[in-house]
Amino acid sequence: MGHIPGDMVVNAMMVAMAVHWNEKGRVVIHVTSSLQNPLSTSTTLDMMYRYFSSNPQIGKNGRVIKAKRFNDTNLARLQAATSKDKHEAHVFDCDPKSIDWEHYFYNIHIPGVLKYAQKK
């Protein structure tokens, strides 16, 4: 997953303008950390948990908001609710282990973004 602080995006934009100001055509620069310094979702969630555990937030009612770890326990419960009926389990599949990521990205996600998110 690619993450990048906003100030680095702005810095990259300013440098790109200075470097490419006189070039014809379009230069696309993807400003992300995904290849040079990848950050996994699990690391992100762990850091958020540790931060909010050490720096608790106060709710509107004046009470401390307890930090919680994210997990898929409730999703597993939903899966269990459909597991008794094979047809139901197939129709309402919510098991992340069943995702074929290559198929999903190549045949569903990217074509869907191209079809519905791009202006024509």
N, C-alpha and C. Protein backbone atom coordinates (compact mmCIF):
# COMPACT_ATOMS: atom_id res chain seq x y z
N MET A 1 0.85 -1.17 0.00
CA MET A 1 0.00 0.00 0.00
C MET A 1 0.89 1.23 0.00
N GLY A 2 0.54 2.21 -0.78
CA GLY A 2 1.34 3.42 -0.86
C GLY A 2 0.78 4.53 0.00
N HIS A 3 1.62 5.08 0.81
CA HIS A 3 1.27 6.23 1.63
C HIS A 3 2.34 7.28 1.41
N ILE A 4 1.96 8.53 1.54
CA ILE A 4 2.94 9.60 1.42
C ILE A 4 2.37 10.83 2.14
N PRO A 5 3.19 11.49 2.95
CA PRO A 5 2.71 12.72 3.60
C PRO A 5 2.39 13.80 2.56
N GLY A 6 1.37 14.58 2.83
CA GLY A 6 0.93 15.63 1.91
C GLY A 6 2.01 16.62 1.55
N ASP A 7 2.87 16.98 2.51
CA ASP A 7 3.93 17.95 2.20
C ASP A 7 4.92 17.39 1.19
N MET A 8 5.14 16.07 1.19
CA MET A 8 6.02 15.47 0.19
C MET A 8 5.39 15.50 -1.19
N VAL A 9 4.07 15.37 -1.26
CA VAL A 9 3.36 15.47 -2.54
C VAL A 9 3.54 16.88 -3.10
N VAL A 10 3.35 17.88 -2.25
CA VAL A 10 3.52 19.27 -2.69
C VAL A 10 4.96 19.52 -3.11
N ASN A 11 5.93 19.04 -2.33
CA ASN A 11 7.34 19.21 -2.69
C ASN A 11 7.63 18.58 -4.05
N ALA A 12 7.13 17.36 -4.28
CA ALA A 12 7.35 16.67 -5.55
C ALA A 12 6.72 17.45 -6.70
N MET A 13 5.54 18.03 -6.47
CA MET A 13 4.89 18.82 -7.50
C MET A 13 5.73 20.04 -7.87
N MET A 14 6.28 20.71 -6.87
CA MET A 14 7.10 21.90 -7.13
C MET A 14 8.38 21.53 -7.86
N VAL A 15 9.04 20.46 -7.46
CA VAL A 15 10.25 20.02 -8.15
C VAL A 15 9.92 19.59 -9.58
N ALA A 16 8.81 18.88 -9.76
CA ALA A 16 8.41 18.44 -11.10
C ALA A 16 8.18 19.64 -12.01
N MET A 17 7.56 20.69 -11.48
CA MET A 17 7.34 21.89 -12.30
C MET A 17 8.68 22.52 -12.70
N ALA A 18 9.61 22.57 -11.77
CA ALA A 18 10.91 23.16 -12.06
C ALA A 18 11.71 22.32 -13.05
N VAL A 19 11.64 21.02 -12.94
CA VAL A 19 12.42 20.13 -13.80
C VAL A 19 11.80 20.00 -15.19
N HIS A 20 10.48 19.94 -15.27
CA HIS A 20 9.80 19.62 -16.53
C HIS A 20 9.08 20.82 -17.16
N TRP A 21 9.35 22.02 -16.73
CA TRP A 21 8.57 23.19 -17.17
C TRP A 21 8.58 23.40 -18.67
N ASN A 22 9.66 23.02 -19.35
CA ASN A 22 9.74 23.32 -20.78
C ASN A 22 9.55 22.09 -21.67
N GLU A 23 9.12 20.98 -21.10
CA GLU A 23 8.92 19.76 -21.88
C GLU A 23 7.54 19.76 -22.51
N LYS A 24 7.45 19.23 -23.70
CA LYS A 24 6.16 19.07 -24.36
C LYS A 24 5.60 17.72 -23.96
N GLY A 25 4.31 17.62 -23.95
CA GLY A 25 3.68 16.36 -23.58
C GLY A 25 3.37 16.31 -22.09
N ARG A 26 2.99 15.15 -21.66
CA ARG A 26 2.56 14.96 -20.28
C ARG A 26 3.54 14.07 -19.55
N VAL A 27 3.96 14.50 -18.37
CA VAL A 27 4.82 13.69 -17.52
C VAL A 27 3.99 13.27 -16.32
N VAL A 28 3.89 11.98 -16.08
CA VAL A 28 3.13 11.47 -14.95
C VAL A 28 4.11 11.00 -13.88
N ILE A 29 3.96 11.53 -12.69
CA ILE A 29 4.82 11.14 -11.58
C ILE A 29 3.91 10.63 -10.46
N HIS A 30 4.05 9.38 -10.14
CA HIS A 30 3.25 8.77 -9.07
C HIS A 30 4.01 8.96 -7.76
N VAL A 31 3.51 9.81 -6.90
CA VAL A 31 4.18 10.11 -5.63
C VAL A 31 3.63 9.17 -4.57
N THR A 32 4.42 8.16 -4.24
CA THR A 32 3.99 7.15 -3.28
C THR A 32 5.20 6.50 -2.64
N SER A 33 4.97 5.81 -1.55
CA SER A 33 6.06 5.11 -0.86
C SER A 33 6.07 3.62 -1.17
N SER A 34 5.14 3.17 -2.01
CA SER A 34 4.89 1.73 -2.13
C SER A 34 6.09 0.90 -2.56
N LEU A 35 6.97 1.40 -3.41
CA LEU A 35 8.13 0.62 -3.82
C LEU A 35 9.37 0.91 -2.99
N GLN A 36 9.60 2.17 -2.68
CA GLN A 36 10.83 2.55 -1.98
C GLN A 36 10.77 2.33 -0.48
N ASN A 37 9.59 2.47 0.10
CA ASN A 37 9.44 2.33 1.55
C ASN A 37 8.01 1.88 1.86
N PRO A 38 7.67 0.63 1.52
CA PRO A 38 6.28 0.18 1.66
C PRO A 38 5.80 0.17 3.11
N LEU A 39 4.51 0.45 3.25
CA LEU A 39 3.87 0.46 4.56
C LEU A 39 2.64 -0.43 4.49
N SER A 40 2.66 -1.52 5.24
CA SER A 40 1.53 -2.44 5.20
C SER A 40 0.36 -1.91 6.03
N THR A 41 -0.81 -2.39 5.69
CA THR A 41 -2.01 -2.01 6.45
C THR A 41 -1.88 -2.44 7.90
N SER A 42 -1.32 -3.63 8.14
CA SER A 42 -1.19 -4.11 9.53
C SER A 42 -0.25 -3.20 10.32
N THR A 43 0.82 -2.71 9.70
CA THR A 43 1.72 -1.78 10.39
C THR A 43 1.00 -0.47 10.68
N THR A 44 0.24 0.02 9.71
CA THR A 44 -0.52 1.26 9.90
C THR A 44 -1.48 1.12 11.08
N LEU A 45 -2.24 0.04 11.10
CA LEU A 45 -3.20 -0.17 12.18
C LEU A 45 -2.51 -0.34 13.53
N ASP A 46 -1.38 -1.03 13.55
CA ASP A 46 -0.63 -1.21 14.79
C ASP A 46 -0.12 0.13 15.32
N MET A 47 0.41 0.97 14.43
CA MET A 47 0.90 2.29 14.87
C MET A 47 -0.24 3.16 15.38
N MET A 48 -1.41 3.09 14.72
CA MET A 48 -2.55 3.87 15.19
C MET A 48 -2.99 3.39 16.57
N TYR A 49 -3.03 2.08 16.77
CA TYR A 49 -3.41 1.54 18.07
C TYR A 49 -2.43 2.00 19.16
N ARG A 50 -1.14 1.87 18.86
CA ARG A 50 -0.12 2.27 19.85
C ARG A 50 -0.20 3.76 20.15
N TYR A 51 -0.41 4.58 19.13
CA TYR A 51 -0.50 6.03 19.34
C TYR A 51 -1.69 6.37 20.24
N PHE A 52 -2.87 5.85 19.88
CA PHE A 52 -4.06 6.19 20.66
C PHE A 52 -4.09 5.53 22.03
N SER A 53 -3.34 4.45 22.22
CA SER A 53 -3.20 3.87 23.55
C SER A 53 -2.35 4.77 24.43
N SER A 54 -1.32 5.37 23.85
CA SER A 54 -0.43 6.27 24.60
C SER A 54 -0.98 7.68 24.69
N ASN A 55 -1.84 8.06 23.78
CA ASN A 55 -2.41 9.42 23.71
C ASN A 55 -3.92 9.32 23.59
N PRO A 56 -4.58 8.88 24.67
CA PRO A 56 -6.02 8.67 24.58
C PRO A 56 -6.78 9.97 24.28
N GLN A 57 -7.85 9.82 23.52
CA GLN A 57 -8.70 10.95 23.16
C GLN A 57 -9.86 11.04 24.15
N ILE A 58 -10.36 12.24 24.34
CA ILE A 58 -11.47 12.47 25.25
C ILE A 58 -12.73 12.71 24.41
N GLY A 59 -13.77 11.98 24.72
CA GLY A 59 -15.04 12.12 24.00
C GLY A 59 -15.81 13.34 24.44
N LYS A 60 -16.93 13.62 23.78
CA LYS A 60 -17.77 14.78 24.11
C LYS A 60 -18.32 14.69 25.52
N ASN A 61 -18.45 13.44 26.01
CA ASN A 61 -18.97 13.24 27.36
C ASN A 61 -17.88 13.37 28.43
N GLY A 62 -16.65 13.70 28.02
CA GLY A 62 -15.55 13.88 28.96
C GLY A 62 -14.83 12.59 29.33
N ARG A 63 -15.27 11.47 28.81
CA ARG A 63 -14.63 10.18 29.11
C ARG A 63 -13.56 9.84 28.07
N VAL A 64 -12.59 9.06 28.52
CA VAL A 64 -11.52 8.62 27.63
C VAL A 64 -12.08 7.61 26.63
N ILE A 65 -11.72 7.78 25.37
CA ILE A 65 -12.11 6.83 24.32
C ILE A 65 -11.02 5.77 24.27
N LYS A 66 -11.36 4.55 24.61
CA LYS A 66 -10.39 3.47 24.66
C LYS A 66 -9.99 3.04 23.24
N ALA A 67 -8.69 2.92 23.03
CA ALA A 67 -8.19 2.45 21.73
C ALA A 67 -8.53 0.98 21.55
N LYS A 68 -8.93 0.63 20.34
CA LYS A 68 -9.28 -0.76 20.05
C LYS A 68 -8.45 -1.25 18.88
N ARG A 69 -8.08 -2.50 18.94
CA ARG A 69 -7.39 -3.12 17.81
C ARG A 69 -8.44 -3.55 16.79
N PHE A 70 -8.11 -3.38 15.53
CA PHE A 70 -9.01 -3.82 14.46
C PHE A 70 -8.73 -5.28 14.17
N ASN A 71 -9.77 -6.03 14.03
CA ASN A 71 -9.62 -7.43 13.64
C ASN A 71 -10.85 -7.85 12.86
N ASP A 72 -10.82 -9.06 12.38
CA ASP A 72 -11.94 -9.51 11.56
C ASP A 72 -12.83 -10.53 12.29
N THR A 73 -12.86 -10.43 13.61
CA THR A 73 -13.68 -11.36 14.40
C THR A 73 -15.15 -11.28 14.01
N ASN A 74 -15.67 -10.08 13.87
CA ASN A 74 -17.09 -9.95 13.52
C ASN A 74 -17.36 -10.42 12.09
N LEU A 75 -16.40 -10.23 11.19
CA LEU A 75 -16.55 -10.75 9.84
C LEU A 75 -16.59 -12.28 9.87
N ALA A 76 -15.74 -12.88 10.71
CA ALA A 76 -15.76 -14.34 10.85
C ALA A 76 -17.12 -14.82 11.37
N ARG A 77 -17.74 -14.05 12.25
CA ARG A 77 -19.07 -14.40 12.75
C ARG A 77 -20.12 -14.35 11.63
N LEU A 78 -19.99 -13.35 10.76
CA LEU A 78 -20.91 -13.28 9.62
C LEU A 78 -20.74 -14.49 8.71
N GLN A 79 -19.50 -14.86 8.46
CA GLN A 79 -19.23 -16.04 7.64
C GLN A 79 -19.85 -17.27 8.27
N ALA A 80 -19.72 -17.40 9.58
CA ALA A 80 -20.27 -18.56 10.28
C ALA A 80 -21.79 -18.60 10.15
N ALA A 81 -22.42 -17.43 10.10
CA ALA A 81 -23.88 -17.38 9.98
C ALA A 81 -24.36 -17.95 8.66
N THR A 82 -23.53 -17.87 7.62
CA THR A 82 -23.94 -18.40 6.32
C THR A 82 -23.38 -19.79 6.04
N SER A 83 -22.50 -20.27 6.88
CA SER A 83 -21.81 -21.54 6.59
C SER A 83 -22.72 -22.76 6.67
N LYS A 84 -23.86 -22.64 7.30
CA LYS A 84 -24.77 -23.78 7.42
C LYS A 84 -25.47 -24.09 6.10
N ASP A 85 -25.62 -23.10 5.27
CA ASP A 85 -26.31 -23.25 3.99
C ASP A 85 -25.32 -22.94 2.87
N LYS A 86 -24.92 -23.97 2.10
CA LYS A 86 -23.91 -23.82 1.05
C LYS A 86 -24.32 -22.77 0.01
N HIS A 87 -25.60 -22.78 -0.38
CA HIS A 87 -26.07 -21.81 -1.37
C HIS A 87 -25.94 -20.39 -0.81
N GLU A 88 -26.36 -20.19 0.42
CA GLU A 88 -26.27 -18.89 1.07
C GLU A 88 -24.81 -18.45 1.19
N ALA A 89 -23.95 -19.38 1.56
CA ALA A 89 -22.53 -19.06 1.72
C ALA A 89 -21.92 -18.62 0.38
N HIS A 90 -22.38 -19.23 -0.71
CA HIS A 90 -21.88 -18.85 -2.03
C HIS A 90 -22.43 -17.50 -2.47
N VAL A 91 -23.72 -17.30 -2.31
CA VAL A 91 -24.37 -16.06 -2.74
C VAL A 91 -23.88 -14.86 -1.92
N PHE A 92 -23.70 -15.05 -0.63
CA PHE A 92 -23.29 -13.97 0.26
C PHE A 92 -21.86 -14.17 0.75
N ASP A 93 -20.97 -14.51 -0.16
CA ASP A 93 -19.56 -14.75 0.19
C ASP A 93 -18.93 -13.49 0.78
N CYS A 94 -18.40 -13.61 1.98
CA CYS A 94 -17.69 -12.50 2.61
C CYS A 94 -16.41 -13.01 3.27
N ASP A 95 -15.86 -14.08 2.71
CA ASP A 95 -14.62 -14.67 3.23
C ASP A 95 -13.44 -14.08 2.46
N PRO A 96 -12.63 -13.22 3.11
CA PRO A 96 -11.51 -12.60 2.41
C PRO A 96 -10.48 -13.61 1.91
N LYS A 97 -10.46 -14.81 2.49
CA LYS A 97 -9.51 -15.83 2.02
C LYS A 97 -9.89 -16.35 0.64
N SER A 98 -11.13 -16.12 0.22
CA SER A 98 -11.56 -16.61 -1.08
C SER A 98 -11.21 -15.66 -2.23
N ILE A 99 -10.65 -14.51 -1.91
CA ILE A 99 -10.34 -13.52 -2.95
C ILE A 99 -9.08 -13.93 -3.71
N ASP A 100 -9.21 -14.01 -5.01
CA ASP A 100 -8.07 -14.20 -5.90
C ASP A 100 -7.69 -12.78 -6.34
N TRP A 101 -6.66 -12.21 -5.70
CA TRP A 101 -6.33 -10.81 -5.90
C TRP A 101 -5.99 -10.48 -7.36
N GLU A 102 -5.28 -11.38 -8.02
CA GLU A 102 -4.93 -11.11 -9.42
C GLU A 102 -6.20 -11.02 -10.27
N HIS A 103 -7.11 -11.98 -10.12
CA HIS A 103 -8.38 -11.95 -10.85
C HIS A 103 -9.17 -10.69 -10.49
N TYR A 104 -9.24 -10.37 -9.21
CA TYR A 104 -10.01 -9.22 -8.77
C TYR A 104 -9.49 -7.93 -9.40
N PHE A 105 -8.18 -7.69 -9.30
CA PHE A 105 -7.64 -6.44 -9.83
C PHE A 105 -7.73 -6.37 -11.35
N TYR A 106 -7.38 -7.45 -12.04
CA TYR A 106 -7.36 -7.45 -13.50
C TYR A 106 -8.75 -7.44 -14.12
N ASN A 107 -9.70 -8.13 -13.51
CA ASN A 107 -11.00 -8.31 -14.14
C ASN A 107 -12.13 -7.51 -13.53
N ILE A 108 -11.94 -6.99 -12.33
CA ILE A 108 -13.03 -6.30 -11.65
C ILE A 108 -12.63 -4.87 -11.26
N HIS A 109 -11.64 -4.72 -10.39
CA HIS A 109 -11.32 -3.42 -9.82
C HIS A 109 -10.84 -2.41 -10.86
N ILE A 110 -9.76 -2.74 -11.57
CA ILE A 110 -9.19 -1.79 -12.52
C ILE A 110 -10.18 -1.48 -13.66
N PRO A 111 -10.80 -2.50 -14.28
CA PRO A 111 -11.79 -2.16 -15.32
C PRO A 111 -12.95 -1.31 -14.77
N GLY A 112 -13.37 -1.58 -13.54
CA GLY A 112 -14.45 -0.79 -12.95
C GLY A 112 -14.04 0.66 -12.73
N VAL A 113 -12.83 0.88 -12.24
CA VAL A 113 -12.33 2.24 -12.05
C VAL A 113 -12.26 2.95 -13.40
N LEU A 114 -11.72 2.25 -14.40
CA LEU A 114 -11.61 2.87 -15.72
C LEU A 114 -12.99 3.19 -16.31
N LYS A 115 -13.96 2.34 -16.08
CA LYS A 115 -15.29 2.55 -16.65
C LYS A 115 -16.08 3.63 -15.91
N TYR A 116 -16.04 3.61 -14.58
CA TYR A 116 -16.94 4.47 -13.81
C TYR A 116 -16.28 5.69 -13.18
N ALA A 117 -14.97 5.67 -12.96
CA ALA A 117 -14.34 6.77 -12.25
C ALA A 117 -13.68 7.78 -13.17
N GLN A 118 -13.37 7.39 -14.38
CA GLN A 118 -12.74 8.32 -15.31
C GLN A 118 -13.80 9.10 -16.07
N LYS A 119 -13.52 10.37 -16.26
CA LYS A 119 -14.41 11.17 -17.09
C LYS A 119 -14.12 10.87 -18.55
N LYS A 120 -15.14 10.81 -19.35
CA LYS A 120 -14.96 10.55 -20.78
C LYS A 120 -15.19 11.79 -21.58
